Amino acid sequence: MHLARAVSKYMRISPQKARLAAGLVRGKSVDEATTQLKFCRLKGGRMLLKTLDSAVANAEQKYARREDLVVVEVKVDVGPTIKRAKPKNRGGRHPILKRMSHFTVIVANLEGVR
């Protein structure tokens, strides 16, 4: 089993929202996953599609055809948080946390295994 991976870092979406899109494609073939992400209306889906395409390109360059690839693992990790503040009443402040995510997509050639 050959593995190929792609990592996208510092994506401006909260990990909680991005994991919704990641759950759609785990364990599916690359063609199914691409179709699923292309037509889902989530921002995380559009971002994850770029990372998936990069992983597929890495796999095609190394060893495999697109039709034989399967999405083995999709991870959405927590990145750094940009901290801002919004003024509130009586001189107070309310924190605004702008979260980031790191995406990792691993695809594998499971043609010989199945």
PDB file of N, CA and C in Angstrom:
ATOM      1  N   MET A   1       0.856  -1.177   0.000  1.00  0.00           N
ATOM      2  CA  MET A   1       0.000   0.000   0.000  1.00  0.00           C
ATOM      3  C   MET A   1       0.896   1.233   0.000  1.00  0.00           C
ATOM      4  N   HIS A   2       0.716   2.073  -1.008  1.00  0.00           N
ATOM      5  CA  HIS A   2       1.484   3.306  -1.130  1.00  0.00           C
ATOM      6  C   HIS A   2       0.648   4.471  -0.627  1.00  0.00           C
ATOM      7  N   LEU A   3       1.276   5.341   0.139  1.00  0.00           N
ATOM      8  CA  LEU A   3       0.590   6.501   0.696  1.00  0.00           C
ATOM      9  C   LEU A   3       1.131   7.779   0.076  1.00  0.00           C
ATOM     10  N   ALA A   4       0.237   8.749  -0.100  1.00  0.00           N
ATOM     11  CA  ALA A   4       0.640  10.095  -0.505  1.00  0.00           C
ATOM     12  C   ALA A   4      -0.152  11.065   0.352  1.00  0.00           C
ATOM     13  N   ARG A   5       0.493  12.177   0.741  1.00  0.00           N
ATOM     14  CA  ARG A   5      -0.186  13.097   1.631  1.00  0.00           C
ATOM     15  C   ARG A   5      -0.001  14.520   1.160  1.00  0.00           C
ATOM     16  N   ALA A   6      -0.894  15.362   1.640  1.00  0.00           N
ATOM     17  CA  ALA A   6      -0.799  16.796   1.395  1.00  0.00           C
ATOM     18  C   ALA A   6      -1.240  17.508   2.661  1.00  0.00           C
ATOM     19  N   VAL A   7      -0.578  18.624   2.959  1.00  0.00           N
ATOM     20  CA  VAL A   7      -0.875  19.401   4.160  1.00  0.00           C
ATOM     21  C   VAL A   7      -1.127  20.841   3.758  1.00  0.00           C
ATOM     22  N   SER A   8      -2.209  21.409   4.256  1.00  0.00           N
ATOM     23  CA  SER A   8      -2.494  22.833   4.098  1.00  0.00           C
ATOM     24  C   SER A   8      -2.529  23.439   5.489  1.00  0.00           C
ATOM     25  N   LYS A   9      -1.726  24.466   5.687  1.00  0.00           N
ATOM     26  CA  LYS A   9      -1.630  25.063   7.018  1.00  0.00           C
ATOM     27  C   LYS A   9      -2.210  26.469   7.022  1.00  0.00           C
ATOM     28  N   TYR A  10      -2.592  26.894   8.203  1.00  0.00           N
ATOM     29  CA  TYR A  10      -3.069  28.251   8.458  1.00  0.00           C
ATOM     30  C   TYR A  10      -4.291  28.611   7.621  1.00  0.00           C
ATOM     31  N   MET A  11      -5.236  27.696   7.516  1.00  0.00           N
ATOM     32  CA  MET A  11      -6.476  27.957   6.790  1.00  0.00           C
ATOM     33  C   MET A  11      -7.424  28.700   7.724  1.00  0.00           C
ATOM     34  N   ARG A  12      -8.010  29.793   7.239  1.00  0.00           N
ATOM     35  CA  ARG A  12      -8.819  30.665   8.086  1.00  0.00           C
ATOM     36  C   ARG A  12     -10.250  30.155   8.214  1.00  0.00           C
ATOM     37  N   ILE A  13     -10.382  29.050   8.919  1.00  0.00           N
ATOM     38  CA  ILE A  13     -11.687  28.484   9.256  1.00  0.00           C
ATOM     39  C   ILE A  13     -11.518  27.758  10.582  1.00  0.00           C
ATOM     40  N   SER A  14     -12.532  27.786  11.404  1.00  0.00           N
ATOM     41  CA  SER A  14     -12.406  27.110  12.689  1.00  0.00           C
ATOM     42  C   SER A  14     -12.388  25.593  12.471  1.00  0.00           C
ATOM     43  N   PRO A  15     -11.636  24.873  13.272  1.00  0.00           N
ATOM     44  CA  PRO A  15     -11.553  23.425  13.102  1.00  0.00           C
ATOM     45  C   PRO A  15     -12.899  22.730  13.253  1.00  0.00           C
ATOM     46  N   GLN A  16     -13.751  23.256  14.112  1.00  0.00           N
ATOM     47  CA  GLN A  16     -15.058  22.638  14.320  1.00  0.00           C
ATOM     48  C   GLN A  16     -15.878  22.643  13.032  1.00  0.00           C
ATOM     49  N   LYS A  17     -15.826  23.738  12.291  1.00  0.00           N
ATOM     50  CA  LYS A  17     -16.568  23.822  11.039  1.00  0.00           C
ATOM     51  C   LYS A  17     -15.910  22.996   9.941  1.00  0.00           C
ATOM     52  N   ALA A  18     -14.585  22.964   9.931  1.00  0.00           N
ATOM     53  CA  ALA A  18     -13.876  22.216   8.897  1.00  0.00           C
ATOM     54  C   ALA A  18     -14.053  20.712   9.070  1.00  0.00           C
ATOM     55  N   ARG A  19     -14.216  20.261  10.307  1.00  0.00           N
ATOM     56  CA  ARG A  19     -14.383  18.821  10.545  1.00  0.00           C
ATOM     57  C   ARG A  19     -15.701  18.297  10.008  1.00  0.00           C
ATOM     58  N   LEU A  20     -16.676  19.171   9.835  1.00  0.00           N
ATOM     59  CA  LEU A  20     -17.936  18.744   9.221  1.00  0.00           C
ATOM     60  C   LEU A  20     -17.705  18.298   7.784  1.00  0.00           C
ATOM     61  N   ALA A  21     -16.893  19.037   7.060  1.00  0.00           N
ATOM     62  CA  ALA A  21     -16.577  18.670   5.678  1.00  0.00           C
ATOM     63  C   ALA A  21     -15.658  17.453   5.631  1.00  0.00           C
ATOM     64  N   ALA A  22     -14.749  17.344   6.600  1.00  0.00           N
ATOM     65  CA  ALA A  22     -13.819  16.210   6.614  1.00  0.00           C
ATOM     66  C   ALA A  22     -14.562  14.894   6.825  1.00  0.00           C
ATOM     67  N   GLY A  23     -15.620  14.932   7.601  1.00  0.00           N
ATOM     68  CA  GLY A  23     -16.394  13.714   7.843  1.00  0.00           C
ATOM     69  C   GLY A  23     -17.112  13.191   6.612  1.00  0.00           C
ATOM     70  N   LEU A  24     -17.310  14.050   5.617  1.00  0.00           N
ATOM     71  CA  LEU A  24     -18.013  13.634   4.405  1.00  0.00           C
ATOM     72  C   LEU A  24     -17.175  12.721   3.517  1.00  0.00           C
ATOM     73  N   VAL A  25     -15.850  12.809   3.614  1.00  0.00           N
ATOM     74  CA  VAL A  25     -15.014  12.139   2.620  1.00  0.00           C
ATOM     75  C   VAL A  25     -14.161  11.002   3.168  1.00  0.00           C
ATOM     76  N   ARG A  26     -14.157  10.775   4.453  1.00  0.00           N
ATOM     77  CA  ARG A  26     -13.304   9.721   5.010  1.00  0.00           C
ATOM     78  C   ARG A  26     -13.702   8.349   4.471  1.00  0.00           C
ATOM     79  N   GLY A  27     -12.705   7.613   3.983  1.00  0.00           N
ATOM     80  CA  GLY A  27     -12.931   6.246   3.542  1.00  0.00           C
ATOM     81  C   GLY A  27     -13.530   6.098   2.158  1.00  0.00           C
ATOM     82  N   LYS A  28     -13.750   7.180   1.450  1.00  0.00           N
ATOM     83  CA  LYS A  28     -14.363   7.095   0.119  1.00  0.00           C
ATOM     84  C   LYS A  28     -13.289   7.088  -0.959  1.00  0.00           C
ATOM     85  N   SER A  29     -13.670   6.686  -2.146  1.00  0.00           N
ATOM     86  CA  SER A  29     -12.746   6.785  -3.267  1.00  0.00           C
ATOM     87  C   SER A  29     -12.541   8.254  -3.599  1.00  0.00           C
ATOM     88  N   VAL A  30     -11.475   8.543  -4.299  1.00  0.00           N
ATOM     89  CA  VAL A  30     -11.135   9.930  -4.586  1.00  0.00           C
ATOM     90  C   VAL A  30     -12.192  10.590  -5.468  1.00  0.00           C
ATOM     91  N   ASP A  31     -12.735   9.852  -6.426  1.00  0.00           N
ATOM     92  CA  ASP A  31     -13.768  10.432  -7.298  1.00  0.00           C
ATOM     93  C   ASP A  31     -15.031  10.770  -6.512  1.00  0.00           C
ATOM     94  N   GLU A  32     -15.439   9.880  -5.614  1.00  0.00           N
ATOM     95  CA  GLU A  32     -16.609  10.153  -4.773  1.00  0.00           C
ATOM     96  C   GLU A  32     -16.358  11.344  -3.851  1.00  0.00           C
ATOM     97  N   ALA A  33     -15.173  11.393  -3.256  1.00  0.00           N
ATOM     98  CA  ALA A  33     -14.846  12.476  -2.334  1.00  0.00           C
ATOM     99  C   ALA A  33     -14.803  13.820  -3.049  1.00  0.00           C
ATOM    100  N   THR A  34     -14.240  13.839  -4.251  1.00  0.00           N
ATOM    101  CA  THR A  34     -14.187  15.080  -5.023  1.00  0.00           C
ATOM    102  C   THR A  34     -15.583  15.574  -5.365  1.00  0.00           C
ATOM    103  N   THR A  35     -16.438  14.672  -5.780  1.00  0.00           N
ATOM    104  CA  THR A  35     -17.816  15.048  -6.105  1.00  0.00           C
ATOM    105  C   THR A  35     -18.545  15.549  -4.868  1.00  0.00           C
ATOM    106  N   GLN A  36     -18.348  14.879  -3.760  1.00  0.00           N
ATOM    107  CA  GLN A  36     -19.005  15.270  -2.510  1.00  0.00           C
ATOM    108  C   GLN A  36     -18.583  16.674  -2.082  1.00  0.00           C
ATOM    109  N   LEU A  37     -17.289  16.952  -2.148  1.00  0.00           N
ATOM    110  CA  LEU A  37     -16.788  18.259  -1.713  1.00  0.00           C
ATOM    111  C   LEU A  37     -17.143  19.362  -2.706  1.00  0.00           C
ATOM    112  N   LYS A  38     -17.217  19.001  -3.976  1.00  0.00           N
ATOM    113  CA  LYS A  38     -17.521  20.005  -4.989  1.00  0.00           C
ATOM    114  C   LYS A  38     -18.935  20.544  -4.844  1.00  0.00           C
ATOM    115  N   PHE A  39     -19.865  19.685  -4.445  1.00  0.00           N
ATOM    116  CA  PHE A  39     -21.264  20.084  -4.387  1.00  0.00           C
ATOM    117  C   PHE A  39     -21.781  20.360  -2.985  1.00  0.00           C
ATOM    118  N   CYS A  40     -20.937  20.209  -1.959  1.00  0.00           N
ATOM    119  CA  CYS A  40     -21.391  20.589  -0.632  1.00  0.00           C
ATOM    120  C   CYS A  40     -21.237  22.093  -0.485  1.00  0.00           C
ATOM    121  N   ARG A  41     -22.068  22.700   0.304  1.00  0.00           N
ATOM    122  CA  ARG A  41     -22.100  24.155   0.387  1.00  0.00           C
ATOM    123  C   ARG A  41     -21.308  24.690   1.568  1.00  0.00           C
ATOM    124  N   LEU A  42     -20.350  23.926   2.038  1.00  0.00           N
ATOM    125  CA  LEU A  42     -19.544  24.337   3.186  1.00  0.00           C
ATOM    126  C   LEU A  42     -18.252  25.005   2.730  1.00  0.00           C
ATOM    127  N   LYS A  43     -17.844  26.040   3.440  1.00  0.00           N
ATOM    128  CA  LYS A  43     -16.572  26.697   3.143  1.00  0.00           C
ATOM    129  C   LYS A  43     -15.420  25.729   3.356  1.00  0.00           C
ATOM    130  N   GLY A  44     -15.513  24.908   4.391  1.00  0.00           N
ATOM    131  CA  GLY A  44     -14.483  23.913   4.646  1.00  0.00           C
ATOM    132  C   GLY A  44     -14.370  22.899   3.523  1.00  0.00           C
ATOM    133  N   GLY A  45     -15.467  22.631   2.842  1.00  0.00           N
ATOM    134  CA  GLY A  45     -15.440  21.714   1.706  1.00  0.00           C
ATOM    135  C   GLY A  45     -14.611  22.255   0.557  1.00  0.00           C
ATOM    136  N   ARG A  46     -14.757  23.551   0.282  1.00  0.00           N
ATOM    137  CA  ARG A  46     -13.967  24.168  -0.786  1.00  0.00           C
ATOM    138  C   ARG A  46     -12.484  24.164  -0.437  1.00  0.00           C
ATOM    139  N   MET A  47     -12.169  24.431   0.824  1.00  0.00           N
ATOM    140  CA  MET A  47     -10.762  24.436   1.248  1.00  0.00           C
ATOM    141  C   MET A  47     -10.167  23.030   1.245  1.00  0.00           C
ATOM    142  N   LEU A  48     -10.952  22.065   1.687  1.00  0.00           N
ATOM    143  CA  LEU A  48     -10.479  20.683   1.748  1.00  0.00           C
ATOM    144  C   LEU A  48     -10.296  20.090   0.357  1.00  0.00           C
ATOM    145  N   LEU A  49     -11.088  20.558  -0.599  1.00  0.00           N
ATOM    146  CA  LEU A  49     -10.975  20.066  -1.971  1.00  0.00           C
ATOM    147  C   LEU A  49      -9.604  20.390  -2.557  1.00  0.00           C
ATOM    148  N   LYS A  50      -9.069  21.569  -2.256  1.00  0.00           N
ATOM    149  CA  LYS A  50      -7.742  21.932  -2.751  1.00  0.00           C
ATOM    150  C   LYS A  50      -6.672  21.018  -2.163  1.00  0.00           C
ATOM    151  N   THR A  51      -6.802  20.695  -0.890  1.00  0.00           N
ATOM    152  CA  THR A  51      -5.829  19.816  -0.253  1.00  0.00           C
ATOM    153  C   THR A  51      -5.942  18.397  -0.804  1.00  0.00           C
ATOM    154  N   LEU A  52      -7.163  17.936  -1.046  1.00  0.00           N
ATOM    155  CA  LEU A  52      -7.374  16.607  -1.625  1.00  0.00           C
ATOM    156  C   LEU A  52      -6.776  16.534  -3.028  1.00  0.00           C
ATOM    157  N   ASP A  53      -6.983  17.574  -3.839  1.00  0.00           N
ATOM    158  CA  ASP A  53      -6.418  17.584  -5.185  1.00  0.00           C
ATOM    159  C   ASP A  53      -4.891  17.555  -5.143  1.00  0.00           C
ATOM    160  N   SER A  54      -4.307  18.222  -4.173  1.00  0.00           N
ATOM    161  CA  SER A  54      -2.855  18.211  -4.028  1.00  0.00           C
ATOM    162  C   SER A  54      -2.346  16.820  -3.653  1.00  0.00           C
ATOM    163  N   ALA A  55      -3.051  16.144  -2.747  1.00  0.00           N
ATOM    164  CA  ALA A  55      -2.652  14.788  -2.362  1.00  0.00           C
ATOM    165  C   ALA A  55      -2.773  13.827  -3.539  1.00  0.00           C
ATOM    166  N   VAL A  56      -3.817  13.995  -4.341  1.00  0.00           N
ATOM    167  CA  VAL A  56      -4.001  13.133  -5.512  1.00  0.00           C
ATOM    168  C   VAL A  56      -2.890  13.389  -6.526  1.00  0.00           C
ATOM    169  N   ALA A  57      -2.532  14.646  -6.732  1.00  0.00           N
ATOM    170  CA  ALA A  57      -1.442  14.963  -7.659  1.00  0.00           C
ATOM    171  C   ALA A  57      -0.121  14.371  -7.178  1.00  0.00           C
ATOM    172  N   ASN A  58       0.111  14.409  -5.872  1.00  0.00           N
ATOM    173  CA  ASN A  58       1.327  13.786  -5.327  1.00  0.00           C
ATOM    174  C   ASN A  58       1.335  12.288  -5.578  1.00  0.00           C
ATOM    175  N   ALA A  59       0.181  11.655  -5.402  1.00  0.00           N
ATOM    176  CA  ALA A  59       0.103  10.203  -5.613  1.00  0.00           C
ATOM    177  C   ALA A  59       0.272   9.851  -7.085  1.00  0.00           C
ATOM    178  N   GLU A  60      -0.320  10.644  -7.971  1.00  0.00           N
ATOM    179  CA  GLU A  60      -0.194  10.366  -9.401  1.00  0.00           C
ATOM    180  C   GLU A  60       1.246  10.537  -9.868  1.00  0.00           C
ATOM    181  N   GLN A  61       1.936  11.491  -9.291  1.00  0.00           N
ATOM    182  CA  GLN A  61       3.323  11.721  -9.670  1.00  0.00           C
ATOM    183  C   GLN A  61       4.212  10.570  -9.207  1.00  0.00           C
ATOM    184  N   LYS A  62       3.875   9.975  -8.063  1.00  0.00           N
ATOM    185  CA  LYS A  62       4.710   8.914  -7.516  1.00  0.00           C
ATOM    186  C   LYS A  62       4.416   7.555  -8.160  1.00  0.00           C
ATOM    187  N   TYR A  63       3.139   7.119  -8.116  1.00  0.00           N
ATOM    188  CA  TYR A  63       2.948   5.700  -8.397  1.00  0.00           C
ATOM    189  C   TYR A  63       1.592   5.303  -8.950  1.00  0.00           C
ATOM    190  N   ALA A  64       0.530   6.051  -8.808  1.00  0.00           N
ATOM    191  CA  ALA A  64      -0.799   5.482  -9.007  1.00  0.00           C
ATOM    192  C   ALA A  64      -1.658   6.313  -9.949  1.00  0.00           C
ATOM    193  N   ARG A  65      -2.742   5.691 -10.387  1.00  0.00           N
ATOM    194  CA  ARG A  65      -3.751   6.389 -11.175  1.00  0.00           C
ATOM    195  C   ARG A  65      -4.847   6.885 -10.246  1.00  0.00           C
ATOM    196  N   ARG A  66      -5.548   7.918 -10.684  1.00  0.00           N
ATOM    197  CA  ARG A  66      -6.576   8.556  -9.872  1.00  0.00           C
ATOM    198  C   ARG A  66      -7.719   7.589  -9.533  1.00  0.00           C
ATOM    199  N   GLU A  67      -8.046   6.715 -10.451  1.00  0.00           N
ATOM    200  CA  GLU A  67      -9.183   5.802 -10.255  1.00  0.00           C
ATOM    201  C   GLU A  67      -8.941   4.793  -9.135  1.00  0.00           C
ATOM    202  N   ASP A  68      -7.667   4.515  -8.838  1.00  0.00           N
ATOM    203  CA  ASP A  68      -7.334   3.495  -7.852  1.00  0.00           C
ATOM    204  C   ASP A  68      -7.164   4.042  -6.433  1.00  0.00           C
ATOM    205  N   LEU A  69      -7.255   5.361  -6.268  1.00  0.00           N
ATOM    206  CA  LEU A  69      -6.942   5.969  -4.974  1.00  0.00           C
ATOM    207  C   LEU A  69      -8.157   6.047  -4.060  1.00  0.00           C
ATOM    208  N   VAL A  70      -7.878   5.920  -2.765  1.00  0.00           N
ATOM    209  CA  VAL A  70      -8.901   5.993  -1.725  1.00  0.00           C
ATOM    210  C   VAL A  70      -8.417   6.967  -0.651  1.00  0.00           C
ATOM    211  N   VAL A  71      -9.342   7.752  -0.117  1.00  0.00           N
ATOM    212  CA  VAL A  71      -8.998   8.670   0.969  1.00  0.00           C
ATOM    213  C   VAL A  71      -8.894   7.853   2.252  1.00  0.00           C
ATOM    214  N   VAL A  72      -7.683   7.738   2.778  1.00  0.00           N
ATOM    215  CA  VAL A  72      -7.452   6.919   3.959  1.00  0.00           C
ATOM    216  C   VAL A  72      -7.679   7.727   5.226  1.00  0.00           C
ATOM    217  N   GLU A  73      -7.140   8.942   5.254  1.00  0.00           N
ATOM    218  CA  GLU A  73      -7.194   9.727   6.478  1.00  0.00           C
ATOM    219  C   GLU A  73      -7.368  11.202   6.143  1.00  0.00           C
ATOM    220  N   VAL A  74      -8.233  11.863   6.896  1.00  0.00           N
ATOM    221  CA  VAL A  74      -8.415  13.314   6.803  1.00  0.00           C
ATOM    222  C   VAL A  74      -8.359  13.849   8.224  1.00  0.00           C
ATOM    223  N   LYS A  75      -7.364  14.701   8.490  1.00  0.00           N
ATOM    224  CA  LYS A  75      -7.229  15.286   9.821  1.00  0.00           C
ATOM    225  C   LYS A  75      -7.393  16.795   9.724  1.00  0.00           C
ATOM    226  N   VAL A  76      -8.095  17.358  10.685  1.00  0.00           N
ATOM    227  CA  VAL A  76      -8.198  18.808  10.815  1.00  0.00           C
ATOM    228  C   VAL A  76      -7.697  19.145  12.213  1.00  0.00           C
ATOM    229  N   ASP A  77      -6.531  19.769  12.269  1.00  0.00           N
ATOM    230  CA  ASP A  77      -5.916  20.113  13.542  1.00  0.00           C
ATOM    231  C   ASP A  77      -6.079  21.598  13.826  1.00  0.00           C
ATOM    232  N   VAL A  78      -5.921  21.950  15.079  1.00  0.00           N
ATOM    233  CA  VAL A  78      -6.067  23.335  15.508  1.00  0.00           C
ATOM    234  C   VAL A  78      -4.796  24.101  15.178  1.00  0.00           C
ATOM    235  N   GLY A  79      -4.961  25.247  14.554  1.00  0.00           N
ATOM    236  CA  GLY A  79      -3.843  26.132  14.264  1.00  0.00           C
ATOM    237  C   GLY A  79      -3.820  27.274  15.266  1.00  0.00           C
ATOM    238  N   PRO A  80      -3.031  28.303  14.997  1.00  0.00           N
ATOM    239  CA  PRO A  80      -2.981  29.451  15.896  1.00  0.00           C
ATOM    240  C   PRO A  80      -4.277  30.251  15.851  1.00  0.00           C
ATOM    241  N   THR A  81      -4.507  31.017  16.883  1.00  0.00           N
ATOM    242  CA  THR A  81      -5.706  31.831  16.987  1.00  0.00           C
ATOM    243  C   THR A  81      -5.313  33.308  16.980  1.00  0.00           C
ATOM    244  N   ILE A  82      -5.971  34.078  16.122  1.00  0.00           N
ATOM    245  CA  ILE A  82      -5.765  35.524  16.116  1.00  0.00           C
ATOM    246  C   ILE A  82      -6.738  36.107  17.130  1.00  0.00           C
ATOM    247  N   LYS A  83      -6.211  36.911  18.038  1.00  0.00           N
ATOM    248  CA  LYS A  83      -7.055  37.453  19.105  1.00  0.00           C
ATOM    249  C   LYS A  83      -7.335  38.920  18.854  1.00  0.00           C
ATOM    250  N   ARG A  84      -8.608  39.274  18.833  1.00  0.00           N
ATOM    251  CA  ARG A  84      -9.062  40.648  18.670  1.00  0.00           C
ATOM    252  C   ARG A  84     -10.022  40.948  19.808  1.00  0.00           C
ATOM    253  N   ALA A  85     -10.395  42.218  19.949  1.00  0.00           N
ATOM    254  CA  ALA A  85     -11.309  42.596  21.020  1.00  0.00           C
ATOM    255  C   ALA A  85     -12.369  43.535  20.467  1.00  0.00           C
ATOM    256  N   LYS A  86     -13.556  43.439  21.030  1.00  0.00           N
ATOM    257  CA  LYS A  86     -14.656  44.314  20.668  1.00  0.00           C
ATOM    258  C   LYS A  86     -15.047  45.093  21.927  1.00  0.00           C
ATOM    259  N   PRO A  87     -15.157  46.410  21.836  1.00  0.00           N
ATOM    260  CA  PRO A  87     -15.523  47.184  23.022  1.00  0.00           C
ATOM    261  C   PRO A  87     -16.934  46.837  23.509  1.00  0.00           C
ATOM    262  N   LYS A  88     -17.083  46.799  24.822  1.00  0.00           N
ATOM    263  CA  LYS A  88     -18.392  46.542  25.426  1.00  0.00           C
ATOM    264  C   LYS A  88     -18.727  47.671  26.396  1.00  0.00           C
ATOM    265  N   ASN A  89     -19.814  47.508  27.087  1.00  0.00           N
ATOM    266  CA  ASN A  89     -20.292  48.590  27.957  1.00  0.00           C
ATOM    267  C   ASN A  89     -19.388  48.802  29.177  1.00  0.00           C
ATOM    268  N   ARG A  90     -19.378  50.009  29.695  1.00  0.00           N
ATOM    269  CA  ARG A  90     -18.642  50.410  30.900  1.00  0.00           C
ATOM    270  C   ARG A  90     -17.146  50.114  30.789  1.00  0.00           C
ATOM    271  N   GLY A  91     -16.590  50.323  29.611  1.00  0.00           N
ATOM    272  CA  GLY A  91     -15.154  50.180  29.439  1.00  0.00           C
ATOM    273  C   GLY A  91     -14.661  48.757  29.335  1.00  0.00           C
ATOM    274  N   GLY A  92     -15.544  47.821  29.236  1.00  0.00           N
ATOM    275  CA  GLY A  92     -15.136  46.417  29.138  1.00  0.00           C
ATOM    276  C   GLY A  92     -14.778  46.040  27.707  1.00  0.00           C
ATOM    277  N   ARG A  93     -14.411  44.793  27.547  1.00  0.00           N
ATOM    278  CA  ARG A  93     -14.096  44.292  26.216  1.00  0.00           C
ATOM    279  C   ARG A  93     -14.589  42.859  26.090  1.00  0.00           C
ATOM    280  N   HIS A  94     -14.827  42.490  24.867  1.00  0.00           N
ATOM    281  CA  HIS A  94     -15.279  41.134  24.569  1.00  0.00           C
ATOM    282  C   HIS A  94     -14.291  40.531  23.588  1.00  0.00           C
ATOM    283  N   PRO A  95     -13.703  39.367  23.900  1.00  0.00           N
ATOM    284  CA  PRO A  95     -12.701  38.800  22.994  1.00  0.00           C
ATOM    285  C   PRO A  95     -13.338  38.241  21.715  1.00  0.00           C
ATOM    286  N   ILE A  96     -12.661  38.464  20.598  1.00  0.00           N
ATOM    287  CA  ILE A  96     -13.020  37.868  19.320  1.00  0.00           C
ATOM    288  C   ILE A  96     -11.873  36.934  18.952  1.00  0.00           C
ATOM    289  N   LEU A  97     -12.144  35.655  18.819  1.00  0.00           N
ATOM    290  CA  LEU A  97     -11.123  34.659  18.510  1.00  0.00           C
ATOM    291  C   LEU A  97     -11.285  34.198  17.069  1.00  0.00           C
ATOM    292  N   LYS A  98     -10.306  34.507  16.243  1.00  0.00           N
ATOM    293  CA  LYS A  98     -10.337  34.103  14.839  1.00  0.00           C
ATOM    294  C   LYS A  98      -9.458  32.870  14.710  1.00  0.00           C
ATOM    295  N   ARG A  99     -10.092  31.734  14.563  1.00  0.00           N
ATOM    296  CA  ARG A  99      -9.387  30.460  14.627  1.00  0.00           C
ATOM    297  C   ARG A  99      -8.872  30.036  13.249  1.00  0.00           C
ATOM    298  N   MET A 100      -7.810  29.221  13.282  1.00  0.00           N
ATOM    299  CA  MET A 100      -7.221  28.669  12.062  1.00  0.00           C
ATOM    300  C   MET A 100      -7.106  27.160  12.186  1.00  0.00           C
ATOM    301  N   SER A 101      -6.952  26.520  11.031  1.00  0.00           N
ATOM    302  CA  SER A 101      -6.883  25.065  10.985  1.00  0.00           C
ATOM    303  C   SER A 101      -5.710  24.616  10.121  1.00  0.00           C
ATOM    304  N   HIS A 102      -5.240  23.403  10.402  1.00  0.00           N
ATOM    305  CA  HIS A 102      -4.265  22.723   9.556  1.00  0.00           C
ATOM    306  C   HIS A 102      -4.944  21.465   9.023  1.00  0.00           C
ATOM    307  N   PHE A 103      -4.961  21.308   7.689  1.00  0.00           N
ATOM    308  CA  PHE A 103      -5.566  20.134   7.055  1.00  0.00           C
ATOM    309  C   PHE A 103      -4.481  19.156   6.654  1.00  0.00           C
ATOM    310  N   THR A 104      -4.736  17.872   6.864  1.00  0.00           N
ATOM    311  CA  THR A 104      -3.861  16.803   6.380  1.00  0.00           C
ATOM    312  C   THR A 104      -4.730  15.759   5.697  1.00  0.00           C
ATOM    313  N   VAL A 105      -4.407  15.464   4.442  1.00  0.00           N
ATOM    314  CA  VAL A 105      -5.154  14.455   3.672  1.00  0.00           C
ATOM    315  C   VAL A 105      -4.166  13.397   3.216  1.00  0.00           C
ATOM    316  N   ILE A 106      -4.495  12.141   3.478  1.00  0.00           N
ATOM    317  CA  ILE A 106      -3.660  11.015   3.057  1.00  0.00           C
ATOM    318  C   ILE A 106      -4.487  10.113   2.157  1.00  0.00           C
ATOM    319  N   VAL A 107      -3.957   9.866   0.956  1.00  0.00           N
ATOM    320  CA  VAL A 107      -4.622   8.956   0.020  1.00  0.00           C
ATOM    321  C   VAL A 107      -3.712   7.753  -0.198  1.00  0.00           C
ATOM    322  N   ALA A 108      -4.326   6.629  -0.541  1.00  0.00           N
ATOM    323  CA  ALA A 108      -3.558   5.402  -0.730  1.00  0.00           C
ATOM    324  C   ALA A 108      -4.069   4.646  -1.929  1.00  0.00           C
ATOM    325  N   ASN A 109      -3.201   3.844  -2.493  1.00  0.00           N
ATOM    326  CA  ASN A 109      -3.552   2.966  -3.594  1.00  0.00           C
ATOM    327  C   ASN A 109      -3.922   1.614  -3.003  1.00  0.00           C
ATOM    328  N   LEU A 110      -5.210   1.320  -2.942  1.00  0.00           N
ATOM    329  CA  LEU A 110      -5.667   0.070  -2.344  1.00  0.00           C
ATOM    330  C   LEU A 110      -6.090  -0.939  -3.408  1.00  0.00           C
ATOM    331  N   GLU A 111      -5.640  -0.772  -4.646  1.00  0.00           N
ATOM    332  CA  GLU A 111      -6.022  -1.668  -5.738  1.00  0.00           C
ATOM    333  C   GLU A 111      -5.552  -3.092  -5.467  1.00  0.00           C
ATOM    334  N   GLY A 112      -4.301  -3.254  -5.005  1.00  0.00           N
ATOM    335  CA  GLY A 112      -3.783  -4.583  -4.741  1.00  0.00           C
ATOM    336  C   GLY A 112      -4.350  -5.215  -3.484  1.00  0.00           C
ATOM    337  N   VAL A 113      -4.828  -4.419  -2.541  1.00  0.00           N
ATOM    338  CA  VAL A 113      -5.304  -4.929  -1.259  1.00  0.00           C
ATOM    339  C   VAL A 113      -6.703  -5.513  -1.403  1.00  0.00           C
ATOM    340  N   ARG A 114      -7.545  -4.839  -2.168  1.00  0.00           N
ATOM    341  CA  ARG A 114      -8.942  -5.277  -2.275  1.00  0.00           C
ATOM    342  C   ARG A 114      -9.133  -6.486  -3.082  1.00  0.00           C
TER     343      ARG A 114
END
